[in-house]
Amino acid sequence: MVSAAVADFDRASEFVTSACASAAGWSADIHDPRAAAARSVLQYVWDSATGWIWVCSAPCEAFARASVSASRETGAGVDAIRGRLGHVIWRAATGQATDPAPGVSWEVELASLLASYAGTTQVWHVTNRLQDGGHFIVLYYREPSQEAGMLRPFALPASARGRDVLPVGELREVIRSVSGMDRARHPEWFGV
């Protein structure tokens, strides 16, 4: 299921932007400039152990195909999506990202897995499947010495244009706020 979703996502060539945060802001690598103008779901990842942040933009149609398909998965299929997503986040956050197959970049795999994972979450249902775009954010809580961790999704509404990435400072503040709230409400997530 995961490899088919990656292949479909890549074939659609609607994967738009990948970026890594730096102190000065986002550094973007546009893969498809035509799609960059489309209403999109902005997908973000933050790794708690390294502070690594990544963002990509996928047109709503590509995001919907992957998330709707994954929403039909049960049990082992959902676990496979979540396990693979955690593994790819860990590899990227620790500088070990590798392309999963010839012609498929790790960025496309991560974007596809994020969209698929979204479809397995209540956040996706509550936000009307992010049909109008928006910001889908995943915090990956893990210990520095561990690969495995906990995926913590949430969403923010889209900008008026539906394709504007959150400024790095604003995203960091949102992450700080949500992770602080999670620490207070769920200390067991942090081994406390």
N, C-alpha and C. Protein backbone atom coordinates (compact mmCIF):
# COMPACT_ATOMS: atom_id res chain seq x y z
N MET A 1 0.83 -1.19 0.00
CA MET A 1 0.00 0.00 0.00
C MET A 1 0.87 1.25 0.00
N VAL A 2 1.89 1.29 0.86
CA VAL A 2 2.73 2.48 0.96
C VAL A 2 3.48 2.72 -0.34
N SER A 3 4.08 1.68 -0.92
CA SER A 3 4.84 1.89 -2.17
C SER A 3 3.92 2.30 -3.31
N ALA A 4 2.70 1.79 -3.35
CA ALA A 4 1.75 2.18 -4.39
C ALA A 4 1.36 3.64 -4.23
N ALA A 5 1.17 4.07 -2.99
CA ALA A 5 0.81 5.47 -2.75
C ALA A 5 1.95 6.40 -3.16
N VAL A 6 3.19 5.99 -2.86
CA VAL A 6 4.35 6.80 -3.25
C VAL A 6 4.42 6.90 -4.76
N ALA A 7 4.26 5.78 -5.45
CA ALA A 7 4.34 5.78 -6.91
C ALA A 7 3.25 6.65 -7.51
N ASP A 8 2.02 6.54 -6.99
CA ASP A 8 0.91 7.35 -7.49
C ASP A 8 1.18 8.83 -7.25
N PHE A 9 1.65 9.13 -6.07
CA PHE A 9 1.93 10.53 -5.71
C PHE A 9 3.01 11.09 -6.62
N ASP A 10 4.05 10.31 -6.87
CA ASP A 10 5.14 10.76 -7.72
C ASP A 10 4.70 10.90 -9.17
N ARG A 11 3.93 9.95 -9.67
CA ARG A 11 3.46 10.01 -11.05
C ARG A 11 2.62 11.24 -11.30
N ALA A 12 1.84 11.65 -10.31
CA ALA A 12 0.98 12.82 -10.47
C ALA A 12 1.82 14.08 -10.63
N SER A 13 3.05 14.04 -10.24
CA SER A 13 4.01 15.15 -10.28
C SER A 13 3.40 16.46 -9.81
N GLU A 14 2.57 16.36 -8.78
CA GLU A 14 1.97 17.54 -8.20
C GLU A 14 2.63 17.91 -6.87
N PHE A 15 3.62 17.13 -6.50
CA PHE A 15 4.41 17.48 -5.32
C PHE A 15 5.12 18.78 -5.65
N VAL A 16 4.97 19.77 -4.81
CA VAL A 16 5.40 21.10 -5.20
C VAL A 16 6.69 21.52 -4.54
N THR A 17 6.65 21.76 -3.28
CA THR A 17 7.76 22.45 -2.65
C THR A 17 8.29 21.66 -1.48
N SER A 18 9.60 21.59 -1.34
CA SER A 18 10.14 21.07 -0.10
C SER A 18 11.10 22.12 0.43
N ALA A 19 11.14 22.22 1.74
CA ALA A 19 12.00 23.24 2.31
C ALA A 19 12.51 22.79 3.65
N CYS A 20 13.68 23.25 4.02
CA CYS A 20 14.22 23.01 5.34
C CYS A 20 14.38 24.35 6.03
N ALA A 21 14.08 24.35 7.33
CA ALA A 21 14.17 25.60 8.07
C ALA A 21 15.63 25.94 8.36
N SER A 22 15.94 27.17 8.28
CA SER A 22 17.25 27.67 8.71
C SER A 22 16.98 28.90 9.55
N ALA A 23 17.99 29.40 10.18
CA ALA A 23 17.80 30.56 11.05
C ALA A 23 17.22 31.75 10.31
N ALA A 24 17.50 31.88 9.03
CA ALA A 24 17.02 33.03 8.25
C ALA A 24 15.62 32.83 7.68
N GLY A 25 15.06 31.61 7.72
CA GLY A 25 13.74 31.36 7.14
C GLY A 25 13.77 30.11 6.30
N TRP A 26 12.83 30.01 5.36
CA TRP A 26 12.71 28.81 4.53
C TRP A 26 13.63 28.87 3.33
N SER A 27 14.20 27.74 3.02
CA SER A 27 14.98 27.57 1.79
C SER A 27 14.18 26.61 0.92
N ALA A 28 13.61 27.09 -0.17
CA ALA A 28 12.68 26.28 -0.95
C ALA A 28 13.32 25.72 -2.21
N ASP A 29 12.87 24.53 -2.57
CA ASP A 29 13.27 23.87 -3.81
C ASP A 29 11.97 23.55 -4.55
N ILE A 30 11.62 24.35 -5.54
CA ILE A 30 10.36 24.18 -6.26
C ILE A 30 10.53 23.06 -7.29
N HIS A 31 9.70 22.02 -7.18
CA HIS A 31 9.75 20.90 -8.11
C HIS A 31 8.82 21.11 -9.30
N ASP A 32 7.73 21.83 -9.11
CA ASP A 32 6.76 22.07 -10.17
C ASP A 32 6.20 23.48 -10.02
N PRO A 33 6.81 24.46 -10.68
CA PRO A 33 6.38 25.86 -10.52
C PRO A 33 4.91 26.10 -10.87
N ARG A 34 4.35 25.33 -11.83
CA ARG A 34 2.93 25.51 -12.18
C ARG A 34 2.03 25.13 -11.02
N ALA A 35 2.40 24.08 -10.30
CA ALA A 35 1.57 23.62 -9.19
C ALA A 35 1.72 24.53 -7.97
N ALA A 36 2.80 25.29 -7.91
CA ALA A 36 3.02 26.18 -6.75
C ALA A 36 1.93 27.23 -6.63
N ALA A 37 1.24 27.52 -7.72
CA ALA A 37 0.18 28.52 -7.69
C ALA A 37 -1.17 27.93 -7.28
N ALA A 38 -1.28 26.63 -7.15
CA ALA A 38 -2.55 25.97 -6.84
C ALA A 38 -2.88 26.04 -5.35
N ARG A 39 -4.17 25.96 -5.04
CA ARG A 39 -4.61 25.84 -3.64
C ARG A 39 -4.01 24.54 -3.11
N SER A 40 -3.37 24.62 -1.96
CA SER A 40 -2.57 23.50 -1.47
C SER A 40 -2.82 23.17 -0.01
N VAL A 41 -2.39 21.98 0.36
CA VAL A 41 -2.25 21.61 1.76
C VAL A 41 -0.76 21.71 2.05
N LEU A 42 -0.40 22.54 3.01
CA LEU A 42 0.99 22.68 3.44
C LEU A 42 1.20 21.66 4.54
N GLN A 43 2.19 20.79 4.37
CA GLN A 43 2.47 19.73 5.33
C GLN A 43 3.81 20.02 6.01
N TYR A 44 3.81 19.95 7.33
CA TYR A 44 5.00 20.28 8.11
C TYR A 44 5.33 19.11 9.03
N VAL A 45 6.62 18.94 9.30
CA VAL A 45 7.09 17.94 10.27
C VAL A 45 8.08 18.62 11.19
N TRP A 46 8.00 18.30 12.47
CA TRP A 46 8.99 18.74 13.46
C TRP A 46 9.41 17.53 14.26
N ASP A 47 10.72 17.33 14.35
CA ASP A 47 11.29 16.23 15.14
C ASP A 47 11.76 16.79 16.47
N SER A 48 11.19 16.29 17.56
CA SER A 48 11.50 16.84 18.89
C SER A 48 12.94 16.61 19.31
N ALA A 49 13.54 15.51 18.87
CA ALA A 49 14.89 15.18 19.32
C ALA A 49 15.96 16.06 18.68
N THR A 50 15.72 16.51 17.45
CA THR A 50 16.74 17.29 16.74
C THR A 50 16.33 18.73 16.47
N GLY A 51 15.02 19.02 16.55
CA GLY A 51 14.52 20.34 16.20
C GLY A 51 14.37 20.53 14.70
N TRP A 52 14.60 19.47 13.92
CA TRP A 52 14.50 19.53 12.47
C TRP A 52 13.07 19.84 12.05
N ILE A 53 12.93 20.75 11.10
CA ILE A 53 11.62 21.13 10.56
C ILE A 53 11.67 21.00 9.04
N TRP A 54 10.59 20.49 8.49
CA TRP A 54 10.49 20.32 7.04
C TRP A 54 9.08 20.71 6.62
N VAL A 55 8.95 21.28 5.45
CA VAL A 55 7.63 21.64 4.92
C VAL A 55 7.56 21.30 3.44
N CYS A 56 6.39 20.92 3.00
CA CYS A 56 6.13 20.74 1.58
C CYS A 56 4.71 21.18 1.30
N SER A 57 4.46 21.44 0.04
CA SER A 57 3.14 21.86 -0.40
C SER A 57 2.65 20.89 -1.45
N ALA A 58 1.43 20.43 -1.29
CA ALA A 58 0.83 19.54 -2.29
C ALA A 58 -0.54 20.10 -2.67
N PRO A 59 -0.83 20.18 -3.95
CA PRO A 59 -2.16 20.63 -4.37
C PRO A 59 -3.24 19.79 -3.68
N CYS A 60 -4.36 20.41 -3.39
CA CYS A 60 -5.43 19.73 -2.66
C CYS A 60 -5.84 18.41 -3.30
N GLU A 61 -5.84 18.34 -4.63
CA GLU A 61 -6.27 17.12 -5.31
C GLU A 61 -5.31 15.95 -5.03
N ALA A 62 -4.03 16.20 -5.08
CA ALA A 62 -3.04 15.14 -4.81
C ALA A 62 -3.12 14.71 -3.35
N PHE A 63 -3.25 15.69 -2.46
CA PHE A 63 -3.39 15.38 -1.04
C PHE A 63 -4.64 14.54 -0.80
N ALA A 64 -5.75 14.91 -1.43
CA ALA A 64 -7.01 14.18 -1.25
C ALA A 64 -6.89 12.74 -1.74
N ARG A 65 -6.27 12.51 -2.89
CA ARG A 65 -6.12 11.14 -3.39
C ARG A 65 -5.40 10.25 -2.38
N ALA A 66 -4.29 10.74 -1.85
CA ALA A 66 -3.51 9.93 -0.90
C ALA A 66 -4.25 9.77 0.43
N SER A 67 -4.82 10.85 0.95
CA SER A 67 -5.46 10.77 2.27
C SER A 67 -6.76 9.96 2.23
N VAL A 68 -7.55 10.12 1.18
CA VAL A 68 -8.79 9.34 1.07
C VAL A 68 -8.47 7.85 0.94
N SER A 69 -7.48 7.52 0.12
CA SER A 69 -7.08 6.12 -0.03
C SER A 69 -6.66 5.53 1.32
N ALA A 70 -5.84 6.26 2.06
CA ALA A 70 -5.36 5.76 3.36
C ALA A 70 -6.48 5.70 4.38
N SER A 71 -7.49 6.55 4.25
CA SER A 71 -8.59 6.56 5.23
C SER A 71 -9.38 5.25 5.19
N ARG A 72 -9.24 4.50 4.12
CA ARG A 72 -9.95 3.21 3.98
C ARG A 72 -9.16 2.06 4.60
N GLU A 73 -7.92 2.33 4.98
CA GLU A 73 -7.07 1.29 5.58
C GLU A 73 -7.54 0.99 7.00
N THR A 74 -7.27 -0.22 7.43
CA THR A 74 -7.57 -0.61 8.81
C THR A 74 -6.34 -1.30 9.39
N GLY A 75 -6.29 -1.37 10.70
CA GLY A 75 -5.28 -2.15 11.42
C GLY A 75 -3.88 -2.09 10.89
N ALA A 76 -3.45 -3.18 10.25
CA ALA A 76 -2.07 -3.33 9.79
C ALA A 76 -1.69 -2.27 8.75
N GLY A 77 -2.63 -1.89 7.89
CA GLY A 77 -2.35 -0.86 6.88
C GLY A 77 -2.06 0.49 7.51
N VAL A 78 -2.87 0.86 8.50
CA VAL A 78 -2.65 2.12 9.23
C VAL A 78 -1.33 2.07 9.98
N ASP A 79 -1.07 0.95 10.64
CA ASP A 79 0.20 0.80 11.37
C ASP A 79 1.40 0.90 10.43
N ALA A 80 1.27 0.33 9.22
CA ALA A 80 2.37 0.39 8.24
C ALA A 80 2.63 1.83 7.81
N ILE A 81 1.59 2.59 7.55
CA ILE A 81 1.74 4.00 7.16
C ILE A 81 2.42 4.77 8.28
N ARG A 82 1.94 4.61 9.49
CA ARG A 82 2.48 5.35 10.63
C ARG A 82 3.92 4.94 10.93
N GLY A 83 4.19 3.64 10.86
CA GLY A 83 5.55 3.16 11.12
C GLY A 83 6.54 3.67 10.08
N ARG A 84 6.14 3.62 8.82
CA ARG A 84 7.03 4.10 7.75
C ARG A 84 7.24 5.60 7.86
N LEU A 85 6.19 6.35 8.18
CA LEU A 85 6.32 7.80 8.34
C LEU A 85 7.30 8.12 9.46
N GLY A 86 7.18 7.47 10.59
CA GLY A 86 8.11 7.70 11.69
C GLY A 86 9.54 7.39 11.29
N HIS A 87 9.73 6.31 10.56
CA HIS A 87 11.07 5.91 10.11
C HIS A 87 11.67 6.96 9.16
N VAL A 88 10.87 7.41 8.19
CA VAL A 88 11.36 8.40 7.23
C VAL A 88 11.67 9.72 7.93
N ILE A 89 10.83 10.13 8.88
CA ILE A 89 11.12 11.36 9.65
C ILE A 89 12.43 11.21 10.39
N TRP A 90 12.62 10.09 11.08
CA TRP A 90 13.85 9.86 11.85
C TRP A 90 15.07 9.91 10.93
N ARG A 91 15.00 9.23 9.80
CA ARG A 91 16.15 9.23 8.88
C ARG A 91 16.46 10.64 8.38
N ALA A 92 15.45 11.39 7.99
CA ALA A 92 15.66 12.75 7.49
C ALA A 92 16.18 13.67 8.60
N ALA A 93 15.60 13.57 9.77
CA ALA A 93 15.98 14.44 10.88
C ALA A 93 17.39 14.17 11.38
N THR A 94 17.88 12.96 11.17
CA THR A 94 19.22 12.61 11.62
C THR A 94 20.23 12.62 10.47
N GLY A 95 19.84 13.17 9.34
CA GLY A 95 20.76 13.30 8.21
C GLY A 95 21.02 12.02 7.47
N GLN A 96 20.14 11.04 7.59
CA GLN A 96 20.33 9.74 6.95
C GLN A 96 19.32 9.47 5.85
N ALA A 97 18.65 10.51 5.36
CA ALA A 97 17.60 10.32 4.36
C ALA A 97 18.19 9.72 3.09
N THR A 98 17.50 8.71 2.59
CA THR A 98 17.89 8.09 1.32
C THR A 98 16.65 7.92 0.46
N ASP A 99 16.83 7.96 -0.83
CA ASP A 99 15.71 7.78 -1.74
C ASP A 99 15.24 6.33 -1.66
N PRO A 100 13.91 6.11 -1.58
CA PRO A 100 13.39 4.75 -1.39
C PRO A 100 13.49 3.88 -2.64
N ALA A 101 13.58 4.51 -3.81
CA ALA A 101 13.65 3.75 -5.06
C ALA A 101 14.24 4.67 -6.13
N PRO A 102 14.81 4.09 -7.17
CA PRO A 102 15.31 4.94 -8.26
C PRO A 102 14.20 5.84 -8.80
N GLY A 103 14.49 7.11 -8.92
CA GLY A 103 13.52 8.05 -9.45
C GLY A 103 12.50 8.57 -8.46
N VAL A 104 12.56 8.11 -7.19
CA VAL A 104 11.64 8.58 -6.16
C VAL A 104 12.48 9.18 -5.03
N SER A 105 12.35 10.47 -4.82
CA SER A 105 13.14 11.12 -3.77
C SER A 105 12.53 10.87 -2.40
N TRP A 106 13.36 10.99 -1.38
CA TRP A 106 12.85 10.84 -0.02
C TRP A 106 11.84 11.94 0.29
N GLU A 107 11.97 13.12 -0.35
CA GLU A 107 11.01 14.20 -0.12
C GLU A 107 9.62 13.82 -0.64
N VAL A 108 9.57 13.18 -1.81
CA VAL A 108 8.29 12.73 -2.36
C VAL A 108 7.70 11.65 -1.46
N GLU A 109 8.55 10.74 -0.99
CA GLU A 109 8.07 9.70 -0.09
C GLU A 109 7.50 10.32 1.18
N LEU A 110 8.21 11.27 1.77
CA LEU A 110 7.75 11.91 3.00
C LEU A 110 6.44 12.66 2.76
N ALA A 111 6.35 13.40 1.68
CA ALA A 111 5.11 14.13 1.36
C ALA A 111 3.93 13.17 1.19
N SER A 112 4.17 12.09 0.48
CA SER A 112 3.12 11.10 0.25
C SER A 112 2.69 10.44 1.55
N LEU A 113 3.66 10.09 2.38
CA LEU A 113 3.33 9.47 3.67
C LEU A 113 2.57 10.43 4.58
N LEU A 114 2.94 11.71 4.57
CA LEU A 114 2.21 12.69 5.38
C LEU A 114 0.76 12.79 4.94
N ALA A 115 0.54 12.86 3.63
CA ALA A 115 -0.84 12.93 3.12
C ALA A 115 -1.60 11.65 3.47
N SER A 116 -0.95 10.51 3.32
CA SER A 116 -1.59 9.24 3.68
C SER A 116 -1.89 9.19 5.18
N TYR A 117 -0.91 9.56 5.99
CA TYR A 117 -1.11 9.57 7.44
C TYR A 117 -2.28 10.47 7.83
N ALA A 118 -2.38 11.63 7.19
CA ALA A 118 -3.47 12.56 7.50
C ALA A 118 -4.82 11.83 7.42
N GLY A 119 -5.00 11.01 6.39
CA GLY A 119 -6.25 10.30 6.21
C GLY A 119 -6.56 9.28 7.29
N THR A 120 -5.59 8.95 8.13
CA THR A 120 -5.80 7.99 9.22
C THR A 120 -6.06 8.70 10.55
N THR A 121 -6.15 10.03 10.53
CA THR A 121 -6.28 10.79 11.78
C THR A 121 -7.66 11.42 11.95
N GLN A 122 -8.01 11.70 13.20
CA GLN A 122 -9.25 12.43 13.47
C GLN A 122 -9.12 13.89 13.03
N VAL A 123 -7.91 14.42 13.05
CA VAL A 123 -7.68 15.80 12.60
C VAL A 123 -8.21 15.97 11.18
N TRP A 124 -7.96 15.01 10.33
CA TRP A 124 -8.39 15.05 8.94
C TRP A 124 -9.92 15.11 8.85
N HIS A 125 -10.59 14.30 9.67
CA HIS A 125 -12.05 14.28 9.66
C HIS A 125 -12.62 15.60 10.19
N VAL A 126 -12.07 16.10 11.27
CA VAL A 126 -12.56 17.33 11.91
C VAL A 126 -12.39 18.54 11.00
N THR A 127 -11.36 18.53 10.16
CA THR A 127 -11.08 19.67 9.27
C THR A 127 -11.69 19.49 7.88
N ASN A 128 -12.72 18.65 7.78
CA ASN A 128 -13.38 18.41 6.50
C ASN A 128 -12.38 17.92 5.45
N ARG A 129 -11.48 17.05 5.90
CA ARG A 129 -10.48 16.40 5.03
C ARG A 129 -9.51 17.41 4.40
N LEU A 130 -9.41 18.59 4.98
CA LEU A 130 -8.54 19.65 4.46
C LEU A 130 -8.83 19.92 2.98
N GLN A 131 -10.10 19.80 2.60
CA GLN A 131 -10.50 19.99 1.21
C GLN A 131 -10.22 21.41 0.70
N ASP A 132 -10.24 22.38 1.60
CA ASP A 132 -9.99 23.76 1.21
C ASP A 132 -8.54 24.17 1.42
N GLY A 133 -7.68 23.19 1.63
CA GLY A 133 -6.28 23.49 1.92
C GLY A 133 -6.09 23.71 3.41
N GLY A 134 -4.93 24.21 3.77
CA GLY A 134 -4.63 24.44 5.17
C GLY A 134 -3.24 23.93 5.50
N HIS A 135 -2.97 23.89 6.78
CA HIS A 135 -1.66 23.50 7.28
C HIS A 135 -1.84 22.22 8.11
N PHE A 136 -1.25 21.12 7.66
CA PHE A 136 -1.26 19.85 8.39
C PHE A 136 0.12 19.70 9.01
N ILE A 137 0.15 19.67 10.33
CA ILE A 137 1.42 19.70 11.06
C ILE A 137 1.55 18.43 11.89
N VAL A 138 2.72 17.79 11.80
CA VAL A 138 2.98 16.58 12.58
C VAL A 138 4.21 16.81 13.44
N LEU A 139 4.01 16.67 14.74
CA LEU A 139 5.12 16.71 15.69
C LEU A 139 5.52 15.26 15.94
N TYR A 140 6.81 14.98 15.87
CA TYR A 140 7.30 13.62 16.12
C TYR A 140 8.04 13.64 17.44
N TYR A 141 7.36 13.20 18.49
CA TYR A 141 7.94 13.16 19.83
C TYR A 141 8.74 11.88 19.98
N ARG A 142 10.04 12.03 20.25
CA ARG A 142 10.88 10.85 20.47
C ARG A 142 12.08 11.24 21.32
N GLU A 143 12.68 10.25 21.92
CA GLU A 143 13.91 10.46 22.68
C GLU A 143 15.08 10.52 21.70
N PRO A 144 16.10 11.32 21.98
CA PRO A 144 17.23 11.45 21.05
C PRO A 144 17.90 10.12 20.67
N SER A 145 17.91 9.18 21.58
CA SER A 145 18.58 7.90 21.29
C SER A 145 17.65 6.89 20.62
N GLN A 146 16.41 7.27 20.38
CA GLN A 146 15.43 6.34 19.83
C GLN A 146 14.98 6.73 18.42
N GLU A 147 14.75 5.74 17.59
CA GLU A 147 14.14 6.00 16.28
C GLU A 147 12.63 6.13 16.42
N ALA A 148 12.04 5.23 17.19
CA ALA A 148 10.59 5.21 17.35
C ALA A 148 10.13 6.37 18.22
N GLY A 149 8.99 6.87 17.89
CA GLY A 149 8.41 7.96 18.65
C GLY A 149 6.91 7.98 18.47
N MET A 150 6.31 9.11 18.82
CA MET A 150 4.87 9.27 18.71
C MET A 150 4.56 10.40 17.73
N LEU A 151 3.67 10.13 16.79
CA LEU A 151 3.22 11.14 15.84
C LEU A 151 2.07 11.91 16.48
N ARG A 152 2.17 13.24 16.44
CA ARG A 152 1.14 14.10 17.04
C ARG A 152 0.67 15.10 15.96
N PRO A 153 -0.49 14.81 15.32
CA PRO A 153 -0.96 15.69 14.25
C PRO A 153 -1.87 16.81 14.76
N PHE A 154 -1.87 17.92 14.05
CA PHE A 154 -2.88 18.96 14.23
C PHE A 154 -2.92 19.79 12.95
N ALA A 155 -3.90 20.66 12.85
CA ALA A 155 -4.07 21.44 11.62
C ALA A 155 -4.42 22.88 11.95
N LEU A 156 -4.07 23.76 11.02
CA LEU A 156 -4.44 25.17 11.09
C LEU A 156 -5.13 25.52 9.78
N PRO A 157 -6.04 26.51 9.80
CA PRO A 157 -6.73 26.86 8.56
C PRO A 157 -5.80 27.47 7.52
N ALA A 158 -6.24 27.42 6.28
CA ALA A 158 -5.47 27.96 5.16
C ALA A 158 -5.45 29.48 5.20
N SER A 159 -4.44 30.06 4.56
CA SER A 159 -4.40 31.50 4.37
C SER A 159 -5.48 31.87 3.34
N ALA A 160 -5.72 33.13 3.16
CA ALA A 160 -6.73 33.58 2.19
C ALA A 160 -6.43 33.06 0.78
N ARG A 161 -5.16 33.01 0.40
CA ARG A 161 -4.79 32.52 -0.93
C ARG A 161 -4.74 31.00 -0.99
N GLY A 162 -4.67 30.34 0.18
CA GLY A 162 -4.68 28.89 0.22
C GLY A 162 -3.39 28.21 -0.16
N ARG A 163 -2.28 28.95 -0.24
CA ARG A 163 -1.02 28.32 -0.62
C ARG A 163 0.18 28.94 0.06
N ASP A 164 -0.05 29.78 1.06
CA ASP A 164 1.06 30.47 1.71
C ASP A 164 1.59 29.68 2.90
N VAL A 165 2.88 29.45 2.88
CA VAL A 165 3.54 28.72 3.96
C VAL A 165 3.60 29.60 5.20
N LEU A 166 3.53 28.97 6.37
CA LEU A 166 3.68 29.73 7.62
C LEU A 166 5.11 30.24 7.73
N PRO A 167 5.30 31.48 8.18
CA PRO A 167 6.67 31.93 8.43
C PRO A 167 7.33 31.04 9.49
N VAL A 168 8.61 30.84 9.38
CA VAL A 168 9.34 29.95 10.28
C VAL A 168 9.10 30.32 11.75
N GLY A 169 9.19 31.61 12.07
CA GLY A 169 9.00 32.04 13.45
C GLY A 169 7.62 31.72 13.97
N GLU A 170 6.61 31.91 13.15
CA GLU A 170 5.23 31.60 13.55
C GLU A 170 5.07 30.10 13.75
N LEU A 171 5.63 29.31 12.85
CA LEU A 171 5.55 27.85 12.99
C LEU A 171 6.25 27.40 14.28
N ARG A 172 7.42 27.94 14.54
CA ARG A 172 8.14 27.57 15.78
C ARG A 172 7.31 27.92 17.02
N GLU A 173 6.63 29.05 16.99
CA GLU A 173 5.78 29.45 18.13
C GLU A 173 4.60 28.50 18.29
N VAL A 174 3.98 28.10 17.19
CA VAL A 174 2.88 27.15 17.24
C VAL A 174 3.38 25.81 17.80
N ILE A 175 4.52 25.36 17.32
CA ILE A 175 5.10 24.10 17.82
C ILE A 175 5.38 24.19 19.31
N ARG A 176 5.98 25.30 19.74
CA ARG A 176 6.28 25.50 21.17
C ARG A 176 4.99 25.46 21.99
N SER A 177 3.97 26.13 21.51
CA SER A 177 2.70 26.18 22.23
C SER A 177 2.04 24.80 22.33
N VAL A 178 1.95 24.09 21.21
CA VAL A 178 1.30 22.77 21.21
C VAL A 178 2.11 21.77 22.02
N SER A 179 3.42 21.74 21.84
CA SER A 179 4.22 20.77 22.61
C SER A 179 4.19 21.10 24.10
N GLY A 180 4.15 22.38 24.45
CA GLY A 180 4.03 22.76 25.86
C GLY A 180 2.70 22.31 26.46
N MET A 181 1.64 22.49 25.70
CA MET A 181 0.31 22.04 26.13
C MET A 181 0.30 20.51 26.28
N ASP A 182 0.92 19.82 25.31
CA ASP A 182 0.97 18.35 25.38
C ASP A 182 1.76 17.89 26.60
N ARG A 183 2.85 18.55 26.92
CA ARG A 183 3.65 18.17 28.10
C ARG A 183 2.84 18.31 29.38
N ALA A 184 2.05 19.38 29.46
CA ALA A 184 1.23 19.62 30.65
C ALA A 184 0.08 18.62 30.75
N ARG A 185 -0.56 18.32 29.63
CA ARG A 185 -1.74 17.46 29.63
C ARG A 185 -1.41 15.97 29.54
N HIS A 186 -0.28 15.63 28.91
CA HIS A 186 0.07 14.23 28.68
C HIS A 186 1.53 13.96 29.00
N PRO A 187 1.94 14.10 30.25
CA PRO A 187 3.36 13.87 30.57
C PRO A 187 3.83 12.46 30.23
N GLU A 188 2.91 11.51 30.15
CA GLU A 188 3.28 10.13 29.81
C GLU A 188 3.82 10.04 28.37
N TRP A 189 3.47 10.97 27.51
CA TRP A 189 4.00 10.99 26.15
C TRP A 189 5.49 11.30 26.14
N PHE A 190 5.97 11.89 27.22
CA PHE A 190 7.36 12.34 27.30
C PHE A 190 8.16 11.56 28.32
N GLY A 191 7.62 10.42 28.76
CA GLY A 191 8.33 9.58 29.71
C GLY A 191 8.39 10.15 31.11
N VAL A 192 7.50 11.07 31.42
CA VAL A 192 7.49 11.69 32.76
C VAL A 192 6.54 10.97 33.65
